[in-house]
Amino acid sequence: MENPNTETLYLHEGFDDDEEDGEILMDEDHPMWRSERITLNSVGIDVGSSTSHLIFSRLTLRRQGIALSSRFVVIKREILHESPILLTPYIDKTTIDTDQFNEFIHESYRTAGLTPNDIDTGAIIVTGGG
């Protein structure tokens, strides 16, 4: 026996419903926004054999719509501050001057108007020849 009142249910699996002309709508006052989106301050530190620098960003992540996934994807990235490029300081041919590099990191935070307590996440990339 067929049920004439059968309705088809669709699960949301994309992000198109929040976009208008390619711009993502974000009503931060809406309660659903707070549970589906996260805003994090991030720092990236690049330590290279020749040069080093820092970048501070604000990332907005959105929960993937597939079956209440716990996975979030970055939907917006805003650069808050980029440090100047530093010639990586060395004590000798193979040892980085950590005191000078530490001062560079602290100065980058001061210039950005941030403290380590303002940072939610980050990454350090260390590269070098050899």
N, C-alpha and C. Protein backbone atom coordinates (compact mmCIF):
# COMPACT_ATOMS: atom_id res chain seq x y z
N MET A 1 0.84 -1.17 0.00
CA MET A 1 0.00 0.00 0.00
C MET A 1 0.89 1.24 0.00
N GLU A 2 0.63 2.19 -0.89
CA GLU A 2 1.41 3.40 -1.01
C GLU A 2 0.86 4.49 -0.11
N ASN A 3 1.75 5.29 0.44
CA ASN A 3 1.36 6.41 1.28
C ASN A 3 1.34 7.67 0.41
N PRO A 4 0.18 8.27 0.17
CA PRO A 4 0.10 9.45 -0.70
C PRO A 4 0.73 10.69 -0.08
N ASN A 5 1.00 10.67 1.22
CA ASN A 5 1.58 11.84 1.89
C ASN A 5 3.10 11.75 2.02
N THR A 6 3.72 10.89 1.22
CA THR A 6 5.17 10.74 1.29
C THR A 6 5.83 12.03 0.80
N GLU A 7 6.79 12.51 1.58
CA GLU A 7 7.53 13.69 1.16
C GLU A 7 9.01 13.35 1.11
N THR A 8 9.70 13.98 0.22
CA THR A 8 11.13 13.77 0.06
C THR A 8 11.86 14.76 0.94
N LEU A 9 12.81 14.27 1.74
CA LEU A 9 13.62 15.12 2.59
C LEU A 9 15.01 15.24 1.98
N TYR A 10 15.55 16.43 1.97
CA TYR A 10 16.87 16.67 1.42
C TYR A 10 17.80 17.08 2.55
N LEU A 11 18.97 16.48 2.62
CA LEU A 11 19.99 16.87 3.58
C LEU A 11 20.87 17.93 2.94
N HIS A 12 21.18 18.94 3.71
CA HIS A 12 22.05 20.00 3.23
C HIS A 12 23.47 19.47 3.16
N GLU A 13 24.09 19.54 1.96
CA GLU A 13 25.46 19.05 1.81
C GLU A 13 26.39 20.09 1.20
N GLY A 14 25.91 21.26 0.92
CA GLY A 14 26.76 22.26 0.29
C GLY A 14 26.72 23.56 1.03
N PHE A 15 27.30 24.57 0.41
CA PHE A 15 27.37 25.87 1.03
C PHE A 15 26.65 26.94 0.22
N ASP A 16 26.03 26.55 -0.89
CA ASP A 16 25.44 27.53 -1.80
C ASP A 16 24.31 28.34 -1.19
N ASP A 17 23.61 27.78 -0.20
CA ASP A 17 22.45 28.49 0.33
C ASP A 17 22.83 29.72 1.15
N ASP A 18 24.10 29.85 1.54
CA ASP A 18 24.53 31.00 2.31
C ASP A 18 25.25 32.03 1.45
N GLU A 19 25.28 31.82 0.16
CA GLU A 19 26.01 32.73 -0.70
C GLU A 19 25.05 33.56 -1.53
N GLU A 20 25.42 34.80 -1.69
CA GLU A 20 24.66 35.71 -2.52
C GLU A 20 25.65 36.44 -3.40
N ASP A 21 25.62 36.16 -4.69
CA ASP A 21 26.56 36.76 -5.64
C ASP A 21 28.01 36.47 -5.25
N GLY A 22 28.28 35.24 -4.78
CA GLY A 22 29.63 34.84 -4.43
C GLY A 22 30.09 35.31 -3.07
N GLU A 23 29.29 36.11 -2.37
CA GLU A 23 29.68 36.59 -1.05
C GLU A 23 28.93 35.80 0.01
N ILE A 24 29.65 35.32 1.00
CA ILE A 24 29.04 34.52 2.05
C ILE A 24 28.37 35.45 3.06
N LEU A 25 27.11 35.19 3.35
CA LEU A 25 26.37 35.98 4.31
C LEU A 25 26.65 35.46 5.71
N MET A 26 26.97 36.34 6.64
CA MET A 26 27.27 35.92 8.00
C MET A 26 26.53 36.82 8.96
N ASP A 27 25.40 36.38 9.45
CA ASP A 27 24.65 37.11 10.46
C ASP A 27 25.12 36.60 11.81
N GLU A 28 26.12 37.26 12.39
CA GLU A 28 26.73 36.79 13.62
C GLU A 28 25.78 36.84 14.80
N ASP A 29 24.65 37.54 14.69
CA ASP A 29 23.69 37.59 15.78
C ASP A 29 22.76 36.38 15.78
N HIS A 30 22.70 35.68 14.68
CA HIS A 30 21.82 34.51 14.59
C HIS A 30 22.41 33.36 15.40
N PRO A 31 21.61 32.69 16.25
CA PRO A 31 22.13 31.61 17.10
C PRO A 31 22.76 30.47 16.31
N MET A 32 22.26 30.18 15.12
CA MET A 32 22.83 29.10 14.32
C MET A 32 24.23 29.45 13.85
N TRP A 33 24.50 30.74 13.63
CA TRP A 33 25.82 31.15 13.20
C TRP A 33 26.87 30.73 14.22
N ARG A 34 26.55 30.96 15.50
CA ARG A 34 27.52 30.67 16.56
C ARG A 34 27.82 29.19 16.68
N SER A 35 26.89 28.32 16.37
CA SER A 35 27.15 26.88 16.49
C SER A 35 27.76 26.28 15.23
N GLU A 36 27.64 26.94 14.11
CA GLU A 36 28.12 26.40 12.84
C GLU A 36 29.40 27.05 12.34
N ARG A 37 29.78 28.16 12.95
CA ARG A 37 30.97 28.88 12.51
C ARG A 37 31.85 29.21 13.71
N ILE A 38 33.15 29.20 13.48
CA ILE A 38 34.12 29.51 14.51
C ILE A 38 35.09 30.54 13.93
N THR A 39 35.44 31.54 14.72
CA THR A 39 36.44 32.50 14.31
C THR A 39 37.66 32.34 15.22
N LEU A 40 38.83 32.16 14.61
CA LEU A 40 40.06 31.93 15.35
C LEU A 40 41.14 32.91 14.91
N ASN A 41 41.96 33.33 15.86
CA ASN A 41 43.16 34.09 15.52
C ASN A 41 44.29 33.10 15.38
N SER A 42 45.08 33.27 14.32
CA SER A 42 46.13 32.32 14.01
C SER A 42 47.45 33.06 13.78
N VAL A 43 48.55 32.38 14.10
CA VAL A 43 49.87 32.90 13.76
C VAL A 43 50.61 31.82 12.97
N GLY A 44 51.27 32.25 11.92
CA GLY A 44 52.13 31.36 11.16
C GLY A 44 53.55 31.89 11.26
N ILE A 45 54.47 31.02 11.64
CA ILE A 45 55.87 31.40 11.78
C ILE A 45 56.67 30.58 10.79
N ASP A 46 57.35 31.28 9.89
CA ASP A 46 58.17 30.63 8.87
C ASP A 46 59.63 30.89 9.22
N VAL A 47 60.35 29.83 9.58
CA VAL A 47 61.77 29.94 9.91
C VAL A 47 62.53 29.26 8.79
N GLY A 48 63.22 30.06 8.01
CA GLY A 48 63.98 29.51 6.90
C GLY A 48 65.47 29.64 7.12
N SER A 49 66.25 28.97 6.32
CA SER A 49 67.70 29.05 6.47
C SER A 49 68.23 30.42 6.07
N SER A 50 67.50 31.14 5.24
CA SER A 50 67.92 32.48 4.82
C SER A 50 67.08 33.58 5.45
N THR A 51 65.75 33.44 5.38
CA THR A 51 64.86 34.47 5.90
C THR A 51 63.76 33.84 6.75
N SER A 52 63.15 34.68 7.58
CA SER A 52 62.05 34.25 8.45
C SER A 52 61.02 35.36 8.51
N HIS A 53 59.77 35.00 8.82
CA HIS A 53 58.74 36.01 9.03
C HIS A 53 57.54 35.39 9.74
N LEU A 54 56.62 36.27 10.20
CA LEU A 54 55.39 35.86 10.87
C LEU A 54 54.21 36.48 10.13
N ILE A 55 53.08 35.81 10.21
CA ILE A 55 51.84 36.36 9.68
C ILE A 55 50.73 36.04 10.68
N PHE A 56 49.94 37.04 11.01
CA PHE A 56 48.82 36.89 11.92
C PHE A 56 47.54 36.99 11.10
N SER A 57 46.62 36.06 11.31
CA SER A 57 45.39 36.00 10.52
C SER A 57 44.18 35.75 11.42
N ARG A 58 43.03 36.14 10.91
CA ARG A 58 41.76 35.77 11.54
C ARG A 58 41.08 34.81 10.56
N LEU A 59 40.80 33.61 11.04
CA LEU A 59 40.19 32.57 10.22
C LEU A 59 38.75 32.36 10.64
N THR A 60 37.86 32.28 9.67
CA THR A 60 36.47 31.90 9.94
C THR A 60 36.26 30.52 9.35
N LEU A 61 35.83 29.59 10.19
CA LEU A 61 35.60 28.22 9.77
C LEU A 61 34.12 27.91 9.85
N ARG A 62 33.66 27.06 8.96
CA ARG A 62 32.26 26.65 8.96
C ARG A 62 32.19 25.13 9.00
N ARG A 63 31.26 24.65 9.82
CA ARG A 63 31.05 23.21 9.91
C ARG A 63 30.56 22.69 8.57
N GLN A 64 31.14 21.57 8.12
CA GLN A 64 30.64 20.95 6.91
C GLN A 64 29.21 20.51 7.15
N GLY A 65 28.38 20.66 6.14
CA GLY A 65 26.95 20.38 6.29
C GLY A 65 26.55 18.93 6.23
N ILE A 66 27.50 18.03 6.06
CA ILE A 66 27.16 16.62 5.88
C ILE A 66 26.89 15.97 7.22
N ALA A 67 25.64 15.63 7.48
CA ALA A 67 25.22 14.86 8.65
C ALA A 67 25.87 15.36 9.94
N LEU A 68 25.78 16.64 10.20
CA LEU A 68 26.31 17.25 11.42
C LEU A 68 27.76 16.89 11.66
N SER A 69 28.55 16.97 10.62
CA SER A 69 29.96 16.65 10.68
C SER A 69 30.67 17.49 11.73
N SER A 70 31.72 16.94 12.33
CA SER A 70 32.53 17.72 13.26
C SER A 70 33.70 18.37 12.53
N ARG A 71 33.74 18.21 11.22
CA ARG A 71 34.82 18.79 10.41
C ARG A 71 34.45 20.22 9.99
N PHE A 72 35.41 21.13 10.17
CA PHE A 72 35.22 22.52 9.78
C PHE A 72 36.16 22.84 8.62
N VAL A 73 35.71 23.74 7.74
CA VAL A 73 36.53 24.19 6.62
C VAL A 73 36.66 25.71 6.70
N VAL A 74 37.80 26.22 6.26
CA VAL A 74 38.03 27.67 6.26
C VAL A 74 37.20 28.30 5.15
N ILE A 75 36.39 29.29 5.52
CA ILE A 75 35.57 29.99 4.53
C ILE A 75 36.00 31.44 4.36
N LYS A 76 36.82 31.94 5.29
CA LYS A 76 37.29 33.32 5.18
C LYS A 76 38.63 33.43 5.89
N ARG A 77 39.56 34.14 5.26
CA ARG A 77 40.88 34.35 5.84
C ARG A 77 41.19 35.84 5.72
N GLU A 78 41.46 36.46 6.86
CA GLU A 78 41.77 37.89 6.88
C GLU A 78 43.16 38.07 7.50
N ILE A 79 44.07 38.69 6.78
CA ILE A 79 45.40 38.95 7.30
C ILE A 79 45.33 40.15 8.24
N LEU A 80 45.75 39.94 9.49
CA LEU A 80 45.76 41.01 10.48
C LEU A 80 47.07 41.78 10.47
N HIS A 81 48.18 41.06 10.27
CA HIS A 81 49.49 41.71 10.27
C HIS A 81 50.53 40.76 9.68
N GLU A 82 51.43 41.32 8.89
CA GLU A 82 52.58 40.57 8.40
C GLU A 82 53.84 41.25 8.91
N SER A 83 54.74 40.47 9.48
CA SER A 83 55.99 41.04 9.96
C SER A 83 56.87 41.38 8.77
N PRO A 84 57.88 42.20 9.01
CA PRO A 84 58.88 42.36 7.96
C PRO A 84 59.66 41.05 7.82
N ILE A 85 60.34 40.90 6.72
CA ILE A 85 61.15 39.70 6.51
C ILE A 85 62.49 39.91 7.22
N LEU A 86 62.85 38.93 8.01
CA LEU A 86 64.09 38.97 8.79
C LEU A 86 65.12 38.06 8.15
N LEU A 87 66.34 38.54 7.99
CA LEU A 87 67.42 37.63 7.63
C LEU A 87 67.65 36.76 8.86
N THR A 88 67.44 35.47 8.73
CA THR A 88 67.52 34.56 9.87
C THR A 88 68.87 34.72 10.56
N PRO A 89 68.85 35.07 11.87
CA PRO A 89 70.11 35.33 12.57
C PRO A 89 70.80 34.03 13.02
N TYR A 90 72.11 34.01 12.86
CA TYR A 90 72.90 32.84 13.26
C TYR A 90 73.99 33.23 14.24
N ILE A 91 74.28 32.32 15.17
CA ILE A 91 75.41 32.47 16.09
C ILE A 91 76.69 32.00 15.38
N ASP A 92 76.56 30.87 14.70
CA ASP A 92 77.67 30.35 13.90
C ASP A 92 77.07 29.80 12.61
N LYS A 93 77.80 29.02 11.89
CA LYS A 93 77.38 28.56 10.56
C LYS A 93 76.09 27.73 10.57
N THR A 94 75.78 27.05 11.68
CA THR A 94 74.61 26.15 11.71
C THR A 94 73.64 26.39 12.86
N THR A 95 73.90 27.36 13.73
CA THR A 95 73.07 27.56 14.92
C THR A 95 72.34 28.90 14.85
N ILE A 96 71.01 28.84 14.88
CA ILE A 96 70.21 30.06 14.87
C ILE A 96 70.35 30.77 16.21
N ASP A 97 70.47 32.08 16.17
CA ASP A 97 70.54 32.90 17.38
C ASP A 97 69.12 33.02 17.94
N THR A 98 68.81 32.13 18.89
CA THR A 98 67.43 32.07 19.40
C THR A 98 67.04 33.30 20.20
N ASP A 99 68.01 33.96 20.85
CA ASP A 99 67.69 35.19 21.59
C ASP A 99 67.24 36.29 20.63
N GLN A 100 67.98 36.46 19.55
CA GLN A 100 67.62 37.48 18.56
C GLN A 100 66.31 37.11 17.86
N PHE A 101 66.13 35.83 17.57
CA PHE A 101 64.89 35.39 16.91
C PHE A 101 63.70 35.57 17.85
N ASN A 102 63.90 35.28 19.14
CA ASN A 102 62.85 35.47 20.14
C ASN A 102 62.42 36.94 20.21
N GLU A 103 63.37 37.85 20.17
CA GLU A 103 63.06 39.28 20.19
C GLU A 103 62.27 39.67 18.93
N PHE A 104 62.63 39.11 17.80
CA PHE A 104 61.89 39.36 16.56
C PHE A 104 60.43 38.91 16.70
N ILE A 105 60.22 37.75 17.28
CA ILE A 105 58.85 37.24 17.48
C ILE A 105 58.08 38.17 18.41
N HIS A 106 58.68 38.57 19.54
CA HIS A 106 57.99 39.47 20.48
C HIS A 106 57.69 40.82 19.84
N GLU A 107 58.62 41.34 19.07
CA GLU A 107 58.41 42.61 18.38
C GLU A 107 57.28 42.49 17.35
N SER A 108 57.20 41.36 16.68
CA SER A 108 56.12 41.13 15.70
C SER A 108 54.76 41.13 16.40
N TYR A 109 54.67 40.49 17.56
CA TYR A 109 53.43 40.52 18.34
C TYR A 109 53.09 41.94 18.75
N ARG A 110 54.09 42.69 19.26
CA ARG A 110 53.83 44.07 19.69
C ARG A 110 53.33 44.92 18.53
N THR A 111 53.98 44.81 17.39
CA THR A 111 53.59 45.59 16.22
C THR A 111 52.19 45.22 15.75
N ALA A 112 51.83 43.95 15.88
CA ALA A 112 50.49 43.49 15.47
C ALA A 112 49.43 43.88 16.50
N GLY A 113 49.85 44.31 17.69
CA GLY A 113 48.89 44.65 18.75
C GLY A 113 48.26 43.41 19.36
N LEU A 114 49.01 42.30 19.35
CA LEU A 114 48.50 41.04 19.87
C LEU A 114 49.44 40.49 20.93
N THR A 115 48.93 39.55 21.72
CA THR A 115 49.74 38.80 22.67
C THR A 115 49.55 37.32 22.37
N PRO A 116 50.42 36.46 22.87
CA PRO A 116 50.20 35.02 22.67
C PRO A 116 48.83 34.56 23.18
N ASN A 117 48.28 35.22 24.20
CA ASN A 117 46.94 34.85 24.70
C ASN A 117 45.83 35.14 23.71
N ASP A 118 46.09 36.02 22.73
CA ASP A 118 45.09 36.35 21.71
C ASP A 118 45.05 35.31 20.60
N ILE A 119 46.01 34.40 20.57
CA ILE A 119 46.14 33.43 19.49
C ILE A 119 45.48 32.11 19.86
N ASP A 120 44.65 31.60 18.94
CA ASP A 120 43.93 30.35 19.17
C ASP A 120 44.63 29.14 18.54
N THR A 121 45.34 29.39 17.45
CA THR A 121 45.97 28.29 16.71
C THR A 121 47.12 28.84 15.90
N GLY A 122 47.92 27.96 15.35
CA GLY A 122 49.02 28.42 14.53
C GLY A 122 49.87 27.28 14.02
N ALA A 123 50.90 27.65 13.30
CA ALA A 123 51.81 26.66 12.75
C ALA A 123 53.20 27.28 12.63
N ILE A 124 54.19 26.42 12.79
CA ILE A 124 55.58 26.81 12.57
C ILE A 124 56.11 25.95 11.44
N ILE A 125 56.68 26.62 10.45
CA ILE A 125 57.30 25.91 9.33
C ILE A 125 58.78 26.20 9.40
N VAL A 126 59.57 25.15 9.49
CA VAL A 126 61.02 25.27 9.54
C VAL A 126 61.60 24.61 8.31
N THR A 127 62.32 25.40 7.52
CA THR A 127 62.96 24.85 6.32
C THR A 127 64.42 25.25 6.32
N GLY A 128 65.23 24.51 5.65
CA GLY A 128 66.64 24.86 5.58
C GLY A 128 67.36 24.01 4.56
N GLY A 129 68.40 24.59 4.05
CA GLY A 129 69.24 23.86 3.10
C GLY A 129 70.21 22.96 3.85
N GLY A 130 70.79 22.11 3.15
CA GLY A 130 71.75 21.30 3.87
C GLY A 130 72.17 20.18 3.12
